[in-house]
Protein backbone atom coordinates (compact mmCIF):
# COMPACT_ATOMS: atom_id res chain seq x y z
CA MET A 1 95.37 -12.67 90.10
CA LYS A 2 97.77 -10.26 91.72
CA THR A 3 97.49 -10.14 95.49
CA ILE A 4 96.58 -6.71 96.79
CA LYS A 5 98.48 -5.70 99.89
CA PHE A 6 97.32 -3.20 102.50
CA SER A 7 99.45 -0.53 104.13
CA VAL A 8 98.86 -0.36 107.85
CA TYR A 9 100.20 1.93 110.53
CA THR A 10 99.20 -0.82 112.92
CA PHE A 11 100.50 -3.79 110.95
CA LEU A 12 98.76 -6.42 113.04
CA PHE A 13 101.21 -9.06 114.13
CA SER A 14 99.22 -11.81 115.77
CA PHE A 15 99.53 -15.52 115.10
CA PHE A 16 96.55 -17.47 116.34
CA PHE A 17 96.14 -21.11 117.19
CA LEU A 18 92.88 -22.54 115.85
CA ALA A 19 91.78 -25.15 118.38
CA SER A 20 89.28 -27.22 116.41
CA THR A 21 90.58 -30.77 116.17
CA GLY A 22 88.29 -33.69 116.83
CA PHE A 23 84.59 -33.87 116.00
CA ALA A 24 81.69 -34.18 118.42
CA LEU A 25 79.08 -31.69 117.21
CA ASN A 26 76.24 -33.60 115.54
CA SER A 27 74.97 -30.73 113.42
CA GLY A 28 76.85 -31.12 110.17
CA ASN A 29 80.23 -31.59 108.59
CA LEU A 30 83.34 -29.54 109.24
CA HIS A 31 84.60 -27.65 106.17
CA THR A 32 87.80 -25.63 105.83
CA ILE A 33 88.60 -23.17 103.07
CA THR A 34 91.75 -21.11 102.65
CA GLY A 35 93.06 -18.48 100.29
CA ARG A 36 94.93 -15.21 99.88
CA THR A 37 93.66 -11.70 100.38
CA MET A 38 94.94 -8.29 101.50
CA GLY A 39 98.57 -9.37 101.23
CA THR A 40 98.05 -12.25 103.65
CA PHE A 41 96.09 -15.50 104.05
CA TYR A 42 92.58 -16.29 105.19
CA THR A 43 91.04 -19.40 106.72
CA VAL A 44 87.37 -20.18 107.27
CA LYS A 45 86.22 -23.20 109.27
CA PHE A 46 82.48 -23.87 109.31
CA ILE A 47 80.04 -26.62 110.21
CA SER A 48 77.08 -27.13 107.92
CA THR A 49 74.36 -29.59 106.96
CA GLN A 50 73.72 -27.69 103.73
CA LYS A 51 74.44 -29.33 100.38
CA GLY A 52 76.69 -26.52 99.14
CA SER A 53 80.21 -27.76 98.50
CA THR A 54 83.43 -26.36 99.91
CA ALA A 55 84.30 -25.12 96.42
CA PHE A 56 80.97 -23.26 96.29
CA TRP A 57 81.71 -21.45 99.53
CA LYS A 58 85.30 -20.68 98.56
CA LYS A 59 84.04 -18.96 95.44
CA ARG A 60 81.58 -16.89 97.49
CA VAL A 61 84.26 -15.92 100.00
CA ASP A 62 86.80 -15.00 97.30
CA THR A 63 84.18 -12.90 95.50
CA ARG A 64 83.25 -11.05 98.69
CA LEU A 65 86.85 -10.35 99.64
CA LYS A 66 87.65 -9.21 96.11
CA ASP A 67 84.82 -6.71 96.43
CA VAL A 68 86.19 -5.43 99.75
CA ASN A 69 89.61 -5.02 98.09
CA LYS A 70 88.01 -2.91 95.36
CA ARG A 71 86.86 -0.50 98.04
CA LEU A 72 89.78 -0.35 100.47
CA SER A 73 93.08 -1.30 98.79
CA MET A 74 95.59 1.52 98.37
CA TYR A 75 97.62 -0.73 96.08
CA ASP A 76 94.87 -0.68 93.48
CA PRO A 77 94.78 2.72 91.73
CA ALA A 78 91.18 2.03 90.69
CA SER A 79 89.91 1.27 94.21
CA GLU A 80 87.50 3.66 95.87
CA ILE A 81 90.00 4.69 98.53
CA SER A 82 92.62 5.46 95.86
CA ILE A 83 90.13 7.52 93.88
CA PHE A 84 89.16 9.43 97.03
CA ASN A 85 92.79 10.11 97.87
CA GLN A 86 93.18 11.74 94.44
CA GLN A 87 90.04 13.87 94.78
CA PRO A 88 90.50 17.65 95.12
CA THR A 89 89.41 19.38 98.30
CA GLY A 90 85.68 20.09 98.35
CA ALA A 91 84.75 17.68 95.56
CA ALA A 92 81.85 15.37 96.46
CA MET A 93 82.20 11.68 95.71
CA LYS A 94 79.48 9.02 95.64
CA ILE A 95 80.67 5.84 97.34
CA SER A 96 79.61 2.21 97.77
CA PRO A 97 77.77 0.83 100.83
CA ASP A 98 80.97 -1.00 101.91
CA PHE A 99 83.14 2.11 101.78
CA HIS A 100 80.41 4.15 103.46
CA ALA A 101 80.09 1.62 106.30
CA VAL A 102 83.86 1.59 106.89
CA LEU A 103 84.01 5.40 106.95
CA LEU A 104 81.21 5.60 109.51
CA ARG A 105 83.07 3.13 111.72
CA SER A 106 86.26 5.15 111.16
CA ALA A 107 84.58 8.37 112.29
CA HIS A 108 83.34 6.59 115.41
CA LEU A 109 86.79 5.22 116.25
CA TYR A 110 88.38 8.63 115.74
CA GLN A 111 85.95 10.23 118.19
CA LEU A 112 85.98 7.32 120.65
CA THR A 113 89.78 7.40 120.98
CA ASP A 114 90.21 11.19 120.87
CA GLY A 115 92.27 10.89 117.70
CA ALA A 116 94.56 8.05 118.83
CA TRP A 117 93.09 6.16 115.87
CA ASP A 118 93.03 8.25 112.71
CA GLY A 119 92.40 6.87 109.22
CA THR A 120 94.07 9.91 107.61
CA VAL A 121 97.54 9.11 108.95
CA LYS A 122 98.77 8.04 105.49
CA PRO A 123 101.17 10.99 104.88
CA LEU A 124 102.96 10.25 108.14
CA VAL A 125 103.13 6.50 107.56
CA ASP A 126 104.59 7.09 104.10
CA LEU A 127 107.05 9.66 105.42
CA TRP A 128 108.42 7.24 108.00
CA GLY A 129 108.72 4.54 105.34
CA PHE A 130 106.05 2.15 106.60
CA GLY A 131 103.41 2.83 103.96
CA THR A 132 103.11 2.62 100.19
CA ARG A 133 106.53 4.21 99.79
CA LYS A 134 109.67 2.16 100.45
CA GLY A 135 111.42 3.12 103.65
CA THR A 136 114.95 4.51 103.83
CA GLY A 137 115.61 3.71 107.48
CA ARG A 138 116.09 7.42 108.17
CA VAL A 139 114.40 9.72 110.65
CA PRO A 140 112.49 12.45 108.75
CA GLU A 141 113.26 16.11 109.35
CA THR A 142 110.93 17.76 111.87
CA GLY A 143 109.74 20.23 109.24
CA ARG A 144 108.57 17.42 106.97
CA ILE A 145 106.81 15.74 109.89
CA ALA A 146 105.01 18.99 110.70
CA ARG A 147 103.88 19.42 107.08
CA ALA A 148 102.61 15.84 106.93
CA LEU A 149 100.85 16.27 110.26
CA ALA A 150 99.03 19.31 108.88
CA ASP A 151 97.43 17.07 106.25
CA THR A 152 95.86 14.68 108.76
CA GLY A 153 92.66 14.64 110.80
CA PHE A 154 89.61 12.48 110.15
CA ASN A 155 87.43 15.41 111.23
CA HIS A 156 88.29 16.99 107.85
CA ILE A 157 86.22 14.33 106.05
CA GLN A 158 82.52 15.05 105.65
CA ILE A 159 80.20 12.05 105.35
CA SER A 160 76.84 13.12 103.92
CA PRO A 161 73.49 11.39 103.34
CA GLY A 162 73.19 9.52 100.07
CA HIS A 163 76.61 7.87 100.50
CA ARG A 164 78.54 11.00 99.57
CA ILE A 165 81.83 12.15 101.04
CA GLN A 166 84.21 15.04 100.57
CA LYS A 167 87.38 16.35 102.15
CA ARG A 168 87.68 19.81 103.68
CA ARG A 169 91.48 19.63 103.58
CA ALA A 170 93.99 17.68 101.50
CA VAL A 171 93.75 14.53 103.61
CA THR A 172 94.36 10.99 102.33
CA LEU A 173 93.05 7.76 103.76
CA ASP A 174 94.87 4.65 104.99
CA LEU A 175 92.27 2.27 106.42
CA GLY A 176 94.55 -0.75 106.57
CA SER A 177 94.23 -0.84 110.35
CA ILE A 178 90.57 -1.87 110.08
CA ALA A 179 90.46 -3.39 106.58
CA LYS A 180 91.19 -6.95 107.69
CA GLY A 181 88.71 -6.62 110.53
CA TYR A 182 86.03 -5.43 108.13
CA GLY A 183 86.88 -8.27 105.77
CA VAL A 184 86.44 -10.78 108.61
CA ASP A 185 83.03 -9.30 109.44
CA ALA A 186 81.96 -9.32 105.79
CA VAL A 187 82.85 -13.00 105.39
CA ALA A 188 81.21 -13.97 108.68
CA GLN A 189 78.01 -12.19 107.67
CA LEU A 190 78.05 -14.08 104.38
CA PHE A 191 77.74 -17.37 106.27
CA VAL A 192 75.44 -16.23 109.08
CA SER A 193 72.95 -14.70 106.65
CA SER A 194 72.82 -18.10 104.91
CA GLY A 195 72.02 -19.92 108.14
CA ILE A 196 75.52 -21.20 108.92
CA THR A 197 76.28 -20.02 112.45
CA ASN A 198 79.06 -22.35 113.66
CA LEU A 199 82.17 -20.88 112.09
CA LEU A 200 85.56 -19.32 112.63
CA VAL A 201 86.86 -16.70 110.18
CA GLU A 202 90.49 -15.54 110.19
CA ILE A 203 92.30 -13.02 107.98
CA GLY A 204 95.95 -12.40 108.78
CA GLY A 205 95.48 -13.05 112.50
CA GLU A 206 92.18 -11.20 112.99
CA LEU A 207 89.31 -13.54 113.87
CA TYR A 208 85.62 -13.88 114.50
CA GLY A 209 84.17 -16.98 116.14
CA SER A 210 80.46 -17.76 115.93
CA GLY A 211 78.62 -20.63 117.58
CA LEU A 212 80.57 -23.75 118.52
CA ASN A 213 83.57 -25.65 117.24
CA PRO A 214 83.40 -29.37 116.25
CA LYS A 215 83.81 -30.36 119.91
CA GLY A 216 80.63 -28.48 120.76
CA LYS A 217 82.54 -25.78 122.65
CA PRO A 218 83.36 -22.11 121.93
CA TRP A 219 86.20 -21.62 119.47
CA SER A 220 89.59 -21.26 121.17
CA VAL A 221 92.28 -18.98 119.72
CA GLY A 222 95.71 -18.06 121.00
CA ILE A 223 97.43 -14.72 121.50
CA SER A 224 101.10 -15.07 120.66
CA ARG A 225 103.86 -14.03 122.99
CA PRO A 226 105.20 -10.63 121.83
CA ASP A 227 108.80 -11.35 120.96
CA LYS A 228 111.10 -10.09 118.20
CA GLN A 229 112.76 -13.50 118.02
CA TYR A 230 110.68 -15.72 115.71
CA ALA A 231 112.32 -18.84 117.11
CA ARG A 232 110.93 -18.06 120.53
CA GLN A 233 107.37 -17.65 119.28
CA SER A 234 104.87 -19.21 121.68
CA LEU A 235 101.33 -18.77 122.91
CA TYR A 236 100.84 -16.21 125.66
CA LYS A 237 97.11 -16.74 126.33
CA ILE A 238 94.32 -18.89 124.88
CA ILE A 239 90.95 -17.17 124.56
CA ARG A 240 87.47 -18.61 124.11
CA LEU A 241 85.33 -16.70 121.61
CA ASN A 242 81.57 -16.68 122.13
CA ASN A 243 80.14 -14.87 119.09
CA GLN A 244 83.07 -12.48 119.38
CA ALA A 245 86.02 -11.15 117.43
CA ILE A 246 89.64 -10.71 118.46
CA ALA A 247 92.35 -8.54 116.95
CA THR A 248 95.93 -7.94 118.06
CA SER A 249 98.38 -5.17 117.30
CA GLY A 250 102.08 -5.19 118.12
CA ASN A 251 105.25 -3.21 117.47
CA TYR A 252 107.82 -5.95 117.92
CA ARG A 253 108.40 -6.99 114.32
CA ASN A 254 107.99 -3.98 112.01
CA PHE A 255 110.50 -1.27 112.90
CA PHE A 256 113.87 0.19 112.03
CA GLU A 257 116.82 1.13 114.20
CA LYS A 258 118.92 4.26 113.90
CA ASN A 259 121.77 5.33 116.17
CA GLY A 260 120.77 2.73 118.73
CA LYS A 261 117.14 3.84 118.86
CA THR A 262 114.17 1.79 117.66
CA PHE A 263 111.41 3.42 115.60
CA SER A 264 108.15 1.49 115.48
CA HIS A 265 105.82 1.37 112.47
CA ILE A 266 102.96 2.49 114.70
CA ILE A 267 102.67 6.25 114.32
CA ASP A 268 100.93 8.45 116.87
CA PRO A 269 98.64 10.51 114.59
CA ARG A 270 98.53 13.28 117.18
CA THR A 271 102.31 13.89 117.25
CA GLY A 272 103.52 12.52 113.91
CA PHE A 273 106.17 10.35 115.58
CA PRO A 274 106.33 6.60 116.21
CA VAL A 275 104.91 5.59 119.56
CA ASN A 276 107.45 5.59 122.36
CA ASN A 277 106.00 3.62 125.24
CA ALA A 278 106.45 0.25 126.89
CA ILE A 279 103.40 -1.36 125.26
CA VAL A 280 104.47 -4.15 122.89
CA SER A 281 101.13 -5.82 122.20
CA THR A 282 97.42 -5.09 122.51
CA SER A 283 94.57 -7.55 122.00
CA VAL A 284 90.91 -6.53 121.86
CA ILE A 285 87.87 -8.76 122.04
CA ALA A 286 84.63 -7.23 120.78
CA LYS A 287 81.33 -8.11 119.13
CA ASP A 288 82.74 -7.37 115.68
CA CYS A 289 86.22 -7.46 114.19
CA THR A 290 86.13 -3.96 112.68
CA LEU A 291 85.95 -2.43 116.15
CA ALA A 292 88.45 -4.90 117.62
CA ASP A 293 90.92 -4.20 114.81
CA GLY A 294 90.80 -0.41 115.06
CA LEU A 295 90.71 -0.31 118.84
CA ALA A 296 93.75 -2.60 119.13
CA THR A 297 95.63 -0.02 117.07
CA ALA A 298 94.48 2.89 119.20
CA LEU A 299 95.51 1.14 122.41
CA MET A 300 99.07 0.84 121.10
CA VAL A 301 99.12 4.64 120.87
CA MET A 302 97.28 5.57 124.06
CA ASP A 303 98.58 5.71 127.61
CA CYS A 304 98.23 2.22 129.08
CA GLN A 305 95.86 3.13 131.93
CA LYS A 306 93.76 5.45 129.76
CA GLY A 307 93.38 2.65 127.24
CA ILE A 308 92.24 0.20 129.92
CA ASP A 309 89.80 2.78 131.30
CA LEU A 310 88.33 3.33 127.82
CA VAL A 311 87.74 -0.38 127.25
CA ASN A 312 86.20 -0.78 130.71
CA ARG A 313 83.59 1.83 129.71
CA LEU A 314 82.59 -0.07 126.57
CA ASP A 315 79.94 -2.78 126.51
CA ASN A 316 80.90 -6.27 125.36
CA THR A 317 84.55 -5.27 124.92
CA GLU A 318 87.65 -6.55 126.69
CA CYS A 319 91.38 -6.15 126.14
CA LEU A 320 94.83 -7.27 127.18
CA LEU A 321 97.73 -4.82 127.03
CA ILE A 322 101.25 -6.20 127.41
CA GLU A 323 104.12 -3.97 128.47
CA LYS A 324 107.78 -4.91 128.36
CA LYS A 325 109.97 -3.60 131.16
CA GLY A 326 113.51 -4.83 130.63
CA GLN A 327 113.06 -8.53 129.82
CA THR A 328 109.82 -8.80 131.78
CA LEU A 329 106.37 -8.90 130.18
CA ILE A 330 103.64 -7.29 132.28
CA SER A 331 99.96 -8.00 131.54
CA HIS A 332 97.25 -5.36 131.93
CA PRO A 333 93.81 -6.93 131.42
CA SER A 334 90.48 -5.14 131.37
CA LYS A 335 87.90 -5.95 134.05
CA LYS A 336 86.45 -9.14 132.57
CA PHE A 337 89.24 -10.22 130.21
CA ASN A 338 90.31 -13.11 132.42
CA ASP A 339 86.78 -14.56 132.23
CA LEU A 340 87.54 -15.35 128.57
CA VAL A 341 90.91 -17.02 129.19
CA LYS A 342 91.01 -20.77 128.78
CA GLU A 343 92.87 -22.32 131.67
């Protein structure tokens, strides 16, 4: 089956270390399943006493992720998001529970971040060459940016009772910045609803850890050091997840350079231009991966201190923002982030 890739204006570059070697938890056997989805790989580790085989669970996971793809993939012309993007202004469209749930979360993120996260940024992402259209490595003309910017704004999407939506303007959706997070949550719920609560789900670097690992401790995952040089890749922090999700966004690998200037793939939906700040990586820990995924994107766009202040106002949410000044990396943690760091 052809792998469906997702376009993201936050392309989430985070490589996580899954600390789960050894076995001390006397509550079942450790199972690991892997596969491909959303243009990347997934891994699920879970501990279970149930008789269901690993093959049984892999089939369930693949089926669930295939269903999520049918709703959110822009690379599938028959997906719900593709159909919506082709809908004329004012036309009502009946949508699935999955798509409806993602849109409600999208509306919340848009309001929460004052537009720093915007699921209608697709025209700008495409224009800069980081979306479904192949990039040229050129800076678009300001007039084209202004026209693309006029066709953005999640507030132009009306979500009505009965799972119906319509657009008030000619906006198009790109939900790649929360699609992997939603996929992680969907898979985790698949297991938890079946009584399996000790698990770690990962899709392309976005994770959710529930219960305990085989050592009887919270799952430990690593945030990678933000560095353009792959050879210098290393862990920056190790985090313990206690029924929590973590997502990371960075601008240090997907970019183009023109006339000595670097243009990141992360577009500020309020200006239409790539972000131009010192933030190179943001990690968010939250109760679910959909929120963590979207908020990590927004923090890349926002002013560093305003982003920290926002997270400090949210319950059960922590973050780490990393700025690069010269060759120095500077950490900006939220109030209780360090409580989650494994020493």
